């Protein structure tokens, strides 16, 4: 998966979520609902996505 990218969109609010979920969403560079970022498909990013999967939409970029 050399240079594979993921398009991540925040679909839910981080208000009221656990600290590790909020930190994961912020670590992915997402700040508000409907905010979208393109990130590398790495194990570190996959872990952050998994922590907040109920708030995110993930697509291949």
C-alpha atoms as a PDB file:
ATOM      1  CA  UNK A   1       0.000   0.000   0.000  1.00  0.00           C
ATOM      2  CA  UNK A   2       2.664   2.485  -0.960  1.00  0.00           C
ATOM      3  CA  UNK A   3       1.330   6.044  -0.808  1.00  0.00           C
ATOM      4  CA  UNK A   4      -2.249   4.863  -0.149  1.00  0.00           C
ATOM      5  CA  UNK A   5      -4.516   7.634   1.095  1.00  0.00           C
ATOM      6  CA  UNK A   6      -7.790   7.694   3.018  1.00  0.00           C
ATOM      7  CA  UNK A   7     -10.452  10.398   2.865  1.00  0.00           C
ATOM      8  CA  UNK A   8     -11.942  10.858   6.339  1.00  0.00           C
ATOM      9  CA  UNK A   9     -15.062  12.898   7.131  1.00  0.00           C
ATOM     10  CA  UNK A  10     -16.340  13.692  10.627  1.00  0.00           C
ATOM     11  CA  UNK A  11     -20.070  12.867  10.680  1.00  0.00           C
ATOM     12  CA  UNK A  12     -20.865  13.229  14.380  1.00  0.00           C
ATOM     13  CA  UNK A  13     -20.083  15.520  17.270  1.00  0.00           C
ATOM     14  CA  UNK A  14     -17.179  14.836  19.614  1.00  0.00           C
ATOM     15  CA  UNK A  15     -19.000  16.600  22.470  1.00  0.00           C
ATOM     16  CA  UNK A  16     -19.592  14.160  25.298  1.00  0.00           C
ATOM     17  CA  UNK A  17     -17.184  11.549  23.913  1.00  0.00           C
ATOM     18  CA  UNK A  18     -14.358   9.981  25.897  1.00  0.00           C
ATOM     19  CA  UNK A  19     -11.027  11.795  25.902  1.00  0.00           C
ATOM     20  CA  UNK A  20      -9.270   9.142  23.782  1.00  0.00           C
ATOM     21  CA  UNK A  21     -11.948   9.455  21.089  1.00  0.00           C
ATOM     22  CA  UNK A  22     -11.716  13.259  21.061  1.00  0.00           C
ATOM     23  CA  UNK A  23      -7.921  13.025  20.876  1.00  0.00           C
ATOM     24  CA  UNK A  24      -8.081  10.568  17.973  1.00  0.00           C
ATOM     25  CA  UNK A  25     -10.424  12.807  15.977  1.00  0.00           C
ATOM     26  CA  UNK A  26      -8.201  15.837  16.620  1.00  0.00           C
ATOM     27  CA  UNK A  27      -5.106  13.788  15.758  1.00  0.00           C
ATOM     28  CA  UNK A  28      -6.614  13.073  12.360  1.00  0.00           C
ATOM     29  CA  UNK A  29      -6.944  16.824  11.812  1.00  0.00           C
ATOM     30  CA  UNK A  30     -10.734  17.004  12.037  1.00  0.00           C
ATOM     31  CA  UNK A  31     -12.242  19.981  13.841  1.00  0.00           C
ATOM     32  CA  UNK A  32     -15.958  20.208  13.055  1.00  0.00           C
ATOM     33  CA  UNK A  33     -18.792  18.131  11.630  1.00  0.00           C
ATOM     34  CA  UNK A  34     -18.493  17.618   7.834  1.00  0.00           C
ATOM     35  CA  UNK A  35     -14.777  18.468   8.014  1.00  0.00           C
ATOM     36  CA  UNK A  36     -12.766  16.259   5.622  1.00  0.00           C
ATOM     37  CA  UNK A  37      -9.069  15.383   5.537  1.00  0.00           C
ATOM     38  CA  UNK A  38      -6.931  13.114   3.403  1.00  0.00           C
ATOM     39  CA  UNK A  39      -4.415  11.123   5.438  1.00  0.00           C
ATOM     40  CA  UNK A  40      -1.915   8.342   4.776  1.00  0.00           C
ATOM     41  CA  UNK A  41      -3.145   4.783   5.195  1.00  0.00           C
ATOM     42  CA  UNK A  42      -0.821   3.871   8.075  1.00  0.00           C
ATOM     43  CA  UNK A  43      -1.273   1.664  11.150  1.00  0.00           C
ATOM     44  CA  UNK A  44      -1.214   4.768  13.377  1.00  0.00           C
ATOM     45  CA  UNK A  45      -4.031   6.450  11.452  1.00  0.00           C
ATOM     46  CA  UNK A  46      -5.989   3.183  11.248  1.00  0.00           C
ATOM     47  CA  UNK A  47      -5.860   2.956  15.059  1.00  0.00           C
ATOM     48  CA  UNK A  48      -7.215   6.493  15.461  1.00  0.00           C
ATOM     49  CA  UNK A  49      -9.946   5.734  12.930  1.00  0.00           C
ATOM     50  CA  UNK A  50     -10.908   2.559  14.782  1.00  0.00           C
ATOM     51  CA  UNK A  51     -11.207   4.445  18.087  1.00  0.00           C
ATOM     52  CA  UNK A  52     -13.710   6.898  16.593  1.00  0.00           C
ATOM     53  CA  UNK A  53     -15.258   4.766  13.852  1.00  0.00           C
ATOM     54  CA  UNK A  54     -18.816   5.584  14.947  1.00  0.00           C
ATOM     55  CA  UNK A  55     -18.176   9.296  14.181  1.00  0.00           C
ATOM     56  CA  UNK A  56     -16.312   8.945  10.877  1.00  0.00           C
ATOM     57  CA  UNK A  57     -16.902   8.107   7.221  1.00  0.00           C
ATOM     58  CA  UNK A  58     -13.809   6.613   5.586  1.00  0.00           C
ATOM     59  CA  UNK A  59     -13.231   6.250   1.831  1.00  0.00           C
ATOM     60  CA  UNK A  60     -10.275   5.460  -0.401  1.00  0.00           C
ATOM     61  CA  UNK A  61      -8.786   8.663  -1.809  1.00  0.00           C
END
